[in-house]
Amino acid sequence: MKKLLPILIIAVIIIIVITSISKQNPMITTQEGNTKKLPIEIIPNHFHDIECAMTIESEINSAQAISPSGKTWFFDDVGCLMKWLEDKSFKDEAILWVYAKDSKTWIDAKKAWYVLTDKTPMKYGFGAREKRGKNSIDFEQMQLKMLRGENLTDPRVRKKLLGI
């Protein structure tokens, strides 16, 4: 029993520290009241992707969906947004934002151009751009490819696009 006491004390201290840290800086997966339907500034390591549960480490490659009521969801990868959005009743009315790599600003996801071979957090490869570039596709094509699984997570697609 005497040997277990120090281990129990250390375990209790660790639990207290973890609990106090999580209460000080809770992760955000949604935000209510975004009636202007504008993108919300991403604070690194403070937002959580609602689809894949990953922490959003950077605005780069991130996306946001806003419902007609102004509720906002956050994503670390536009591919996660596409997967999550598919079965939502408001998917056609949702306002979608992506962070464009070329202009380093938030842009309308439906007007963005997508490169197929970017390094993205979930390895889907769809990097958003404001300006159309070589080998880029529009929103509808990106959405279709993502929902079909035609992205860099598929070894056949990866080999075709990257040669590896």
N, C-alpha and C. Protein backbone atom coordinates (compact mmCIF):
# COMPACT_ATOMS: atom_id res chain seq x y z
N MET A 1 0.82 -1.19 0.00
CA MET A 1 0.00 0.00 0.00
C MET A 1 0.87 1.26 0.00
N LYS A 2 1.98 1.22 0.76
CA LYS A 2 2.86 2.37 0.83
C LYS A 2 3.49 2.68 -0.53
N LYS A 3 3.68 1.66 -1.37
CA LYS A 3 4.27 1.86 -2.69
C LYS A 3 3.27 2.51 -3.65
N LEU A 4 1.99 2.25 -3.45
CA LEU A 4 0.96 2.80 -4.32
C LEU A 4 0.62 4.25 -4.00
N LEU A 5 0.82 4.68 -2.79
CA LEU A 5 0.45 6.02 -2.36
C LEU A 5 1.14 7.11 -3.20
N PRO A 6 2.46 7.05 -3.42
CA PRO A 6 3.09 8.09 -4.25
C PRO A 6 2.54 8.10 -5.68
N ILE A 7 2.25 6.94 -6.23
CA ILE A 7 1.70 6.86 -7.59
C ILE A 7 0.32 7.50 -7.63
N LEU A 8 -0.51 7.24 -6.64
CA LEU A 8 -1.85 7.84 -6.57
C LEU A 8 -1.77 9.35 -6.42
N ILE A 9 -0.85 9.83 -5.60
CA ILE A 9 -0.70 11.27 -5.41
C ILE A 9 -0.28 11.93 -6.72
N ILE A 10 0.66 11.35 -7.42
CA ILE A 10 1.10 11.90 -8.72
C ILE A 10 -0.04 11.88 -9.72
N ALA A 11 -0.81 10.80 -9.77
CA ALA A 11 -1.95 10.70 -10.70
C ALA A 11 -2.98 11.79 -10.40
N VAL A 12 -3.27 12.02 -9.14
CA VAL A 12 -4.23 13.06 -8.75
C VAL A 12 -3.72 14.44 -9.16
N ILE A 13 -2.45 14.70 -8.96
CA ILE A 13 -1.86 15.99 -9.34
C ILE A 13 -1.95 16.18 -10.86
N ILE A 14 -1.66 15.17 -11.62
CA ILE A 14 -1.74 15.26 -13.09
C ILE A 14 -3.17 15.54 -13.53
N ILE A 15 -4.13 14.87 -12.93
CA ILE A 15 -5.54 15.09 -13.28
C ILE A 15 -5.95 16.52 -12.95
N ILE A 16 -5.54 17.02 -11.82
CA ILE A 16 -5.88 18.40 -11.43
C ILE A 16 -5.28 19.40 -12.41
N VAL A 17 -4.02 19.20 -12.78
CA VAL A 17 -3.36 20.11 -13.73
C VAL A 17 -4.06 20.09 -15.08
N ILE A 18 -4.35 18.91 -15.60
CA ILE A 18 -5.02 18.80 -16.90
C ILE A 18 -6.40 19.44 -16.86
N THR A 19 -7.15 19.20 -15.80
CA THR A 19 -8.48 19.77 -15.67
C THR A 19 -8.42 21.30 -15.60
N SER A 20 -7.48 21.85 -14.86
CA SER A 20 -7.39 23.30 -14.74
C SER A 20 -6.97 23.94 -16.06
N ILE A 21 -6.08 23.29 -16.80
CA ILE A 21 -5.66 23.83 -18.11
C ILE A 21 -6.83 23.80 -19.08
N SER A 22 -7.59 22.72 -19.12
CA SER A 22 -8.71 22.62 -20.07
C SER A 22 -9.81 23.62 -19.73
N LYS A 23 -9.97 23.98 -18.48
CA LYS A 23 -10.98 24.97 -18.10
C LYS A 23 -10.54 26.38 -18.47
N GLN A 24 -9.23 26.62 -18.45
CA GLN A 24 -8.71 27.94 -18.78
C GLN A 24 -8.79 28.23 -20.28
N ASN A 25 -8.60 27.23 -21.10
CA ASN A 25 -8.53 27.43 -22.54
C ASN A 25 -9.31 26.34 -23.27
N PRO A 26 -10.65 26.36 -23.14
CA PRO A 26 -11.43 25.30 -23.77
C PRO A 26 -11.38 25.40 -25.30
N MET A 27 -11.41 24.25 -25.95
CA MET A 27 -11.39 24.21 -27.40
C MET A 27 -12.76 24.61 -27.94
N ILE A 28 -12.77 25.35 -29.02
CA ILE A 28 -14.02 25.81 -29.62
C ILE A 28 -14.27 25.00 -30.89
N THR A 29 -15.46 24.41 -31.00
CA THR A 29 -15.85 23.70 -32.22
C THR A 29 -16.95 24.46 -32.96
N THR A 30 -17.72 25.24 -32.22
CA THR A 30 -18.79 26.05 -32.84
C THR A 30 -18.87 27.39 -32.13
N GLN A 31 -19.46 28.32 -32.85
CA GLN A 31 -19.72 29.63 -32.23
C GLN A 31 -21.08 30.10 -32.70
N GLU A 32 -21.90 30.51 -31.77
CA GLU A 32 -23.24 31.01 -32.05
C GLU A 32 -23.19 32.51 -32.34
N GLY A 33 -24.24 33.01 -32.99
CA GLY A 33 -24.44 34.45 -33.11
C GLY A 33 -23.67 35.16 -34.21
N ASN A 34 -23.15 34.45 -35.18
CA ASN A 34 -22.42 35.08 -36.28
C ASN A 34 -23.43 35.54 -37.34
N THR A 35 -24.24 36.53 -36.97
CA THR A 35 -25.33 36.97 -37.85
C THR A 35 -24.83 37.69 -39.10
N LYS A 36 -23.62 38.26 -39.05
CA LYS A 36 -23.06 38.90 -40.24
C LYS A 36 -22.50 37.86 -41.20
N LYS A 37 -22.35 36.63 -40.72
CA LYS A 37 -21.88 35.50 -41.53
C LYS A 37 -20.50 35.74 -42.16
N LEU A 38 -19.64 36.37 -41.38
CA LEU A 38 -18.27 36.62 -41.80
C LEU A 38 -17.35 35.60 -41.14
N PRO A 39 -16.18 35.34 -41.74
CA PRO A 39 -15.26 34.38 -41.12
C PRO A 39 -14.77 34.90 -39.77
N ILE A 40 -14.59 33.97 -38.86
CA ILE A 40 -14.11 34.29 -37.52
C ILE A 40 -12.61 34.02 -37.49
N GLU A 41 -11.87 34.93 -36.87
CA GLU A 41 -10.41 34.75 -36.78
C GLU A 41 -10.08 33.46 -36.04
N ILE A 42 -9.21 32.68 -36.64
CA ILE A 42 -8.76 31.41 -36.04
C ILE A 42 -7.57 31.70 -35.13
N ILE A 43 -7.72 31.33 -33.89
CA ILE A 43 -6.61 31.41 -32.94
C ILE A 43 -5.98 30.02 -32.93
N PRO A 44 -4.71 29.91 -33.33
CA PRO A 44 -4.08 28.58 -33.39
C PRO A 44 -4.20 27.81 -32.07
N ASN A 45 -4.50 26.53 -32.20
CA ASN A 45 -4.61 25.61 -31.07
C ASN A 45 -5.73 25.96 -30.10
N HIS A 46 -6.72 26.71 -30.56
CA HIS A 46 -7.87 27.08 -29.73
C HIS A 46 -9.18 26.59 -30.33
N PHE A 47 -9.12 26.21 -31.62
CA PHE A 47 -10.31 25.73 -32.33
C PHE A 47 -10.14 24.25 -32.66
N HIS A 48 -11.25 23.57 -32.71
CA HIS A 48 -11.28 22.12 -32.94
C HIS A 48 -12.13 21.83 -34.16
N ASP A 49 -11.66 21.01 -35.06
CA ASP A 49 -12.42 20.60 -36.25
C ASP A 49 -13.56 19.68 -35.79
N ILE A 50 -14.77 20.04 -36.14
CA ILE A 50 -15.95 19.28 -35.72
C ILE A 50 -16.03 17.91 -36.41
N GLU A 51 -15.43 17.77 -37.57
CA GLU A 51 -15.49 16.51 -38.32
C GLU A 51 -14.43 15.51 -37.89
N CYS A 52 -13.19 15.93 -37.85
CA CYS A 52 -12.09 14.98 -37.57
C CYS A 52 -11.55 15.09 -36.15
N ALA A 53 -12.01 16.08 -35.41
CA ALA A 53 -11.61 16.31 -34.01
C ALA A 53 -10.16 16.75 -33.84
N MET A 54 -9.53 17.19 -34.92
CA MET A 54 -8.14 17.68 -34.83
C MET A 54 -8.15 19.14 -34.37
N THR A 55 -7.10 19.52 -33.70
CA THR A 55 -6.90 20.91 -33.31
C THR A 55 -6.48 21.69 -34.55
N ILE A 56 -7.05 22.87 -34.72
CA ILE A 56 -6.69 23.72 -35.86
C ILE A 56 -5.45 24.51 -35.46
N GLU A 57 -4.35 24.19 -36.10
CA GLU A 57 -3.07 24.79 -35.74
C GLU A 57 -2.76 26.07 -36.51
N SER A 58 -3.49 26.32 -37.60
CA SER A 58 -3.21 27.47 -38.45
C SER A 58 -4.44 27.80 -39.28
N GLU A 59 -4.54 29.06 -39.70
CA GLU A 59 -5.61 29.42 -40.62
C GLU A 59 -5.40 28.77 -41.99
N ILE A 60 -4.15 28.55 -42.35
CA ILE A 60 -3.84 27.95 -43.65
C ILE A 60 -4.55 26.61 -43.76
N ASN A 61 -5.26 26.42 -44.85
CA ASN A 61 -6.05 25.23 -45.16
C ASN A 61 -7.35 25.11 -44.35
N SER A 62 -7.61 26.03 -43.44
CA SER A 62 -8.82 25.91 -42.63
C SER A 62 -10.05 26.41 -43.38
N ALA A 63 -11.21 26.05 -42.84
CA ALA A 63 -12.48 26.42 -43.45
C ALA A 63 -13.51 26.64 -42.36
N GLN A 64 -14.59 27.33 -42.73
CA GLN A 64 -15.68 27.58 -41.80
C GLN A 64 -17.00 27.44 -42.54
N ALA A 65 -18.01 26.94 -41.83
CA ALA A 65 -19.37 26.85 -42.37
C ALA A 65 -20.28 27.62 -41.44
N ILE A 66 -21.16 28.43 -42.02
CA ILE A 66 -22.08 29.23 -41.22
C ILE A 66 -23.50 28.91 -41.66
N SER A 67 -24.33 28.51 -40.71
CA SER A 67 -25.72 28.18 -41.00
C SER A 67 -26.54 29.46 -41.15
N PRO A 68 -27.76 29.35 -41.70
CA PRO A 68 -28.62 30.53 -41.81
C PRO A 68 -28.87 31.23 -40.47
N SER A 69 -28.80 30.50 -39.37
CA SER A 69 -29.02 31.10 -38.04
C SER A 69 -27.79 31.82 -37.51
N GLY A 70 -26.63 31.65 -38.17
CA GLY A 70 -25.41 32.30 -37.73
C GLY A 70 -24.50 31.42 -36.89
N LYS A 71 -24.82 30.14 -36.76
CA LYS A 71 -23.95 29.22 -36.05
C LYS A 71 -22.78 28.87 -36.97
N THR A 72 -21.56 28.94 -36.43
CA THR A 72 -20.34 28.71 -37.21
C THR A 72 -19.62 27.46 -36.72
N TRP A 73 -19.18 26.64 -37.68
CA TRP A 73 -18.38 25.44 -37.40
C TRP A 73 -17.01 25.65 -38.03
N PHE A 74 -16.00 25.01 -37.44
CA PHE A 74 -14.61 25.21 -37.86
C PHE A 74 -13.99 23.90 -38.32
N PHE A 75 -13.10 23.99 -39.33
CA PHE A 75 -12.47 22.81 -39.93
C PHE A 75 -11.00 23.09 -40.22
N ASP A 76 -10.16 22.10 -40.01
CA ASP A 76 -8.73 22.26 -40.28
C ASP A 76 -8.39 22.01 -41.74
N ASP A 77 -9.32 21.41 -42.48
CA ASP A 77 -9.08 21.00 -43.86
C ASP A 77 -10.41 21.12 -44.61
N VAL A 78 -10.38 21.67 -45.80
CA VAL A 78 -11.62 21.83 -46.57
C VAL A 78 -12.28 20.47 -46.85
N GLY A 79 -11.49 19.41 -46.91
CA GLY A 79 -12.05 18.07 -47.09
C GLY A 79 -12.97 17.69 -45.94
N CYS A 80 -12.58 18.06 -44.72
CA CYS A 80 -13.44 17.79 -43.56
C CYS A 80 -14.75 18.56 -43.68
N LEU A 81 -14.68 19.79 -44.13
CA LEU A 81 -15.89 20.59 -44.35
C LEU A 81 -16.81 19.89 -45.33
N MET A 82 -16.28 19.39 -46.44
CA MET A 82 -17.11 18.73 -47.46
C MET A 82 -17.78 17.48 -46.90
N LYS A 83 -17.04 16.68 -46.16
CA LYS A 83 -17.61 15.46 -45.56
C LYS A 83 -18.72 15.81 -44.56
N TRP A 84 -18.44 16.79 -43.72
CA TRP A 84 -19.39 17.19 -42.68
C TRP A 84 -20.67 17.79 -43.27
N LEU A 85 -20.51 18.61 -44.29
CA LEU A 85 -21.63 19.36 -44.87
C LEU A 85 -22.63 18.49 -45.62
N GLU A 86 -22.18 17.38 -46.15
CA GLU A 86 -22.97 16.57 -47.07
C GLU A 86 -24.38 16.23 -46.57
N ASP A 87 -24.56 15.91 -45.32
CA ASP A 87 -25.88 15.49 -44.85
C ASP A 87 -26.63 16.56 -44.05
N LYS A 88 -26.16 17.80 -44.12
CA LYS A 88 -26.81 18.88 -43.37
C LYS A 88 -27.99 19.42 -44.16
N SER A 89 -29.09 19.65 -43.47
CA SER A 89 -30.31 20.14 -44.12
C SER A 89 -30.13 21.53 -44.72
N PHE A 90 -29.20 22.31 -44.22
CA PHE A 90 -28.97 23.68 -44.70
C PHE A 90 -27.78 23.79 -45.64
N LYS A 91 -27.28 22.66 -46.17
CA LYS A 91 -26.04 22.69 -46.95
C LYS A 91 -26.09 23.65 -48.14
N ASP A 92 -27.26 23.82 -48.76
CA ASP A 92 -27.35 24.73 -49.91
C ASP A 92 -27.40 26.20 -49.49
N GLU A 93 -27.82 26.47 -48.26
CA GLU A 93 -27.91 27.85 -47.76
C GLU A 93 -26.69 28.26 -46.95
N ALA A 94 -25.83 27.32 -46.61
CA ALA A 94 -24.68 27.61 -45.76
C ALA A 94 -23.71 28.57 -46.45
N ILE A 95 -23.13 29.44 -45.67
CA ILE A 95 -22.05 30.30 -46.14
C ILE A 95 -20.76 29.57 -45.80
N LEU A 96 -19.90 29.38 -46.79
CA LEU A 96 -18.66 28.63 -46.61
C LEU A 96 -17.46 29.52 -46.88
N TRP A 97 -16.52 29.49 -45.96
CA TRP A 97 -15.29 30.27 -46.09
C TRP A 97 -14.09 29.34 -46.09
N VAL A 98 -13.09 29.66 -46.88
CA VAL A 98 -11.81 28.96 -46.86
C VAL A 98 -10.71 30.00 -46.80
N TYR A 99 -9.59 29.59 -46.24
CA TYR A 99 -8.44 30.49 -46.19
C TYR A 99 -7.59 30.24 -47.42
N ALA A 100 -7.46 31.27 -48.25
CA ALA A 100 -6.73 31.16 -49.51
C ALA A 100 -5.22 31.28 -49.30
N LYS A 101 -4.49 30.32 -49.85
CA LYS A 101 -3.04 30.32 -49.69
C LYS A 101 -2.37 31.44 -50.47
N ASP A 102 -2.93 31.81 -51.61
CA ASP A 102 -2.27 32.83 -52.44
C ASP A 102 -2.48 34.25 -51.90
N SER A 103 -3.68 34.58 -51.47
CA SER A 103 -3.96 35.94 -50.99
C SER A 103 -3.88 36.06 -49.47
N LYS A 104 -3.77 34.92 -48.80
CA LYS A 104 -3.70 34.88 -47.34
C LYS A 104 -4.87 35.63 -46.69
N THR A 105 -6.07 35.37 -47.26
CA THR A 105 -7.30 35.97 -46.74
C THR A 105 -8.41 34.93 -46.79
N TRP A 106 -9.47 35.20 -46.07
CA TRP A 106 -10.67 34.35 -46.14
C TRP A 106 -11.44 34.71 -47.40
N ILE A 107 -11.84 33.69 -48.15
CA ILE A 107 -12.63 33.91 -49.36
C ILE A 107 -13.82 32.96 -49.38
N ASP A 108 -14.79 33.29 -50.20
CA ASP A 108 -15.97 32.45 -50.39
C ASP A 108 -15.52 31.10 -50.96
N ALA A 109 -15.77 30.02 -50.25
CA ALA A 109 -15.33 28.69 -50.68
C ALA A 109 -15.90 28.30 -52.04
N LYS A 110 -17.09 28.80 -52.34
CA LYS A 110 -17.75 28.43 -53.60
C LYS A 110 -17.16 29.17 -54.80
N LYS A 111 -16.39 30.22 -54.53
CA LYS A 111 -15.73 30.97 -55.60
C LYS A 111 -14.24 30.67 -55.68
N ALA A 112 -13.75 29.87 -54.76
CA ALA A 112 -12.32 29.55 -54.71
C ALA A 112 -11.93 28.55 -55.80
N TRP A 113 -10.63 28.50 -56.05
CA TRP A 113 -10.04 27.51 -56.94
C TRP A 113 -9.21 26.59 -56.06
N TYR A 114 -9.20 25.31 -56.40
CA TYR A 114 -8.55 24.32 -55.55
C TYR A 114 -7.47 23.56 -56.30
N VAL A 115 -6.29 23.56 -55.72
CA VAL A 115 -5.18 22.76 -56.20
C VAL A 115 -5.37 21.36 -55.63
N LEU A 116 -5.05 20.34 -56.36
CA LEU A 116 -5.29 18.96 -55.93
C LEU A 116 -4.16 18.35 -55.11
N THR A 117 -3.00 19.01 -55.07
CA THR A 117 -1.81 18.36 -54.52
C THR A 117 -1.15 19.10 -53.36
N ASP A 118 -1.88 19.93 -52.66
CA ASP A 118 -1.31 20.64 -51.52
C ASP A 118 -1.14 19.72 -50.32
N LYS A 119 -0.24 20.08 -49.45
CA LYS A 119 -0.12 19.39 -48.17
C LYS A 119 -1.16 20.01 -47.25
N THR A 120 -2.14 19.22 -46.84
CA THR A 120 -3.19 19.72 -45.96
C THR A 120 -3.23 18.86 -44.70
N PRO A 121 -3.81 19.38 -43.63
CA PRO A 121 -3.78 18.65 -42.35
C PRO A 121 -4.29 17.21 -42.41
N MET A 122 -5.35 16.95 -43.15
CA MET A 122 -5.90 15.61 -43.24
C MET A 122 -5.45 14.87 -44.49
N LYS A 123 -4.52 15.47 -45.22
CA LYS A 123 -3.89 14.85 -46.39
C LYS A 123 -4.83 14.66 -47.59
N TYR A 124 -5.94 15.45 -47.63
CA TYR A 124 -6.84 15.35 -48.78
C TYR A 124 -6.22 16.03 -50.00
N GLY A 125 -5.45 17.10 -49.78
CA GLY A 125 -4.73 17.74 -50.88
C GLY A 125 -5.39 18.94 -51.51
N PHE A 126 -6.60 19.29 -51.10
CA PHE A 126 -7.31 20.41 -51.73
C PHE A 126 -6.94 21.73 -51.05
N GLY A 127 -6.06 22.48 -51.68
CA GLY A 127 -5.65 23.78 -51.17
C GLY A 127 -6.38 24.89 -51.91
N ALA A 128 -6.98 25.81 -51.17
CA ALA A 128 -7.78 26.88 -51.77
C ALA A 128 -6.91 28.04 -52.25
N ARG A 129 -7.33 28.61 -53.37
CA ARG A 129 -6.67 29.79 -53.95
C ARG A 129 -7.76 30.77 -54.38
N GLU A 130 -7.42 32.04 -54.31
CA GLU A 130 -8.34 33.07 -54.78
C GLU A 130 -8.29 33.18 -56.30
N LYS A 131 -7.09 33.04 -56.84
CA LYS A 131 -6.91 33.16 -58.30
C LYS A 131 -6.73 31.78 -58.92
N ARG A 132 -7.33 31.61 -60.08
CA ARG A 132 -7.22 30.35 -60.79
C ARG A 132 -5.78 30.15 -61.26
N GLY A 133 -5.28 28.97 -61.03
CA GLY A 133 -3.93 28.65 -61.45
C GLY A 133 -3.91 27.37 -62.27
N LYS A 134 -2.73 27.02 -62.69
CA LYS A 134 -2.56 25.80 -63.47
C LYS A 134 -3.00 24.59 -62.64
N ASN A 135 -3.73 23.71 -63.26
CA ASN A 135 -4.21 22.47 -62.63
C ASN A 135 -5.14 22.70 -61.43
N SER A 136 -5.85 23.82 -61.42
CA SER A 136 -6.81 24.05 -60.33
C SER A 136 -8.22 23.74 -60.82
N ILE A 137 -9.09 23.40 -59.86
CA ILE A 137 -10.48 23.07 -60.18
C ILE A 137 -11.40 23.96 -59.36
N ASP A 138 -12.65 24.05 -59.79
CA ASP A 138 -13.60 24.89 -59.06
C ASP A 138 -14.22 24.13 -57.88
N PHE A 139 -15.06 24.81 -57.13
CA PHE A 139 -15.66 24.27 -55.93
C PHE A 139 -16.45 22.99 -56.19
N GLU A 140 -17.29 23.02 -57.22
CA GLU A 140 -18.14 21.85 -57.51
C GLU A 140 -17.30 20.61 -57.83
N GLN A 141 -16.24 20.79 -58.60
CA GLN A 141 -15.35 19.67 -58.93
C GLN A 141 -14.64 19.15 -57.68
N MET A 142 -14.17 20.07 -56.85
CA MET A 142 -13.49 19.69 -55.62
C MET A 142 -14.44 18.91 -54.71
N GLN A 143 -15.64 19.43 -54.56
CA GLN A 143 -16.64 18.79 -53.70
C GLN A 143 -16.95 17.37 -54.19
N LEU A 144 -17.15 17.22 -55.48
CA LEU A 144 -17.43 15.92 -56.06
C LEU A 144 -16.26 14.96 -55.85
N LYS A 145 -15.05 15.42 -56.12
CA LYS A 145 -13.88 14.57 -55.92
C LYS A 145 -13.74 14.16 -54.45
N MET A 146 -13.96 15.09 -53.55
CA MET A 146 -13.84 14.78 -52.13
C MET A 146 -14.87 13.73 -51.72
N LEU A 147 -16.10 13.92 -52.13
CA LEU A 147 -17.17 13.00 -51.72
C LEU A 147 -17.03 11.62 -52.38
N ARG A 148 -16.37 11.57 -53.51
CA ARG A 148 -16.10 10.29 -54.17
C ARG A 148 -14.85 9.61 -53.61
N GLY A 149 -14.11 10.32 -52.79
CA GLY A 149 -12.86 9.78 -52.26
C GLY A 149 -11.69 9.94 -53.21
N GLU A 150 -11.83 10.78 -54.21
CA GLU A 150 -10.79 11.01 -55.20
C GLU A 150 -9.86 12.13 -54.72
N ASN A 151 -9.07 11.82 -53.72
CA ASN A 151 -8.16 12.80 -53.14
C ASN A 151 -6.86 12.08 -52.78
N LEU A 152 -5.93 12.81 -52.22
CA LEU A 152 -4.60 12.25 -51.96
C LEU A 152 -4.57 11.15 -50.91
N THR A 153 -5.67 10.91 -50.22
CA THR A 153 -5.69 9.79 -49.27
C THR A 153 -5.84 8.46 -49.99
N ASP A 154 -6.25 8.49 -51.26
CA ASP A 154 -6.37 7.29 -52.08
C ASP A 154 -5.02 7.05 -52.76
N PRO A 155 -4.37 5.91 -52.51
CA PRO A 155 -3.05 5.66 -53.11
C PRO A 155 -3.02 5.76 -54.63
N ARG A 156 -4.11 5.36 -55.29
CA ARG A 156 -4.13 5.44 -56.77
C ARG A 156 -4.15 6.89 -57.23
N VAL A 157 -4.93 7.74 -56.56
CA VAL A 157 -4.99 9.15 -56.91
C VAL A 157 -3.64 9.81 -56.60
N ARG A 158 -3.06 9.50 -55.43
CA ARG A 158 -1.77 10.06 -55.03
C ARG A 158 -0.70 9.71 -56.07
N LYS A 159 -0.69 8.45 -56.52
CA LYS A 159 0.30 8.03 -57.51
C LYS A 159 0.10 8.77 -58.83
N LYS A 160 -1.15 8.92 -59.24
CA LYS A 160 -1.46 9.61 -60.50
C LYS A 160 -1.05 11.08 -60.43
N LEU A 161 -1.35 11.74 -59.31
CA LEU A 161 -1.07 13.17 -59.21
C LEU A 161 0.36 13.51 -58.79
N LEU A 162 0.93 12.68 -57.92
CA LEU A 162 2.25 13.00 -57.40
C LEU A 162 3.35 12.06 -57.89
N GLY A 163 2.94 10.96 -58.52
CA GLY A 163 3.92 10.00 -59.00
C GLY A 163 4.53 9.15 -57.90
N ILE A 164 3.90 9.14 -56.73
CA ILE A 164 4.42 8.31 -55.62
C ILE A 164 3.34 7.39 -55.07
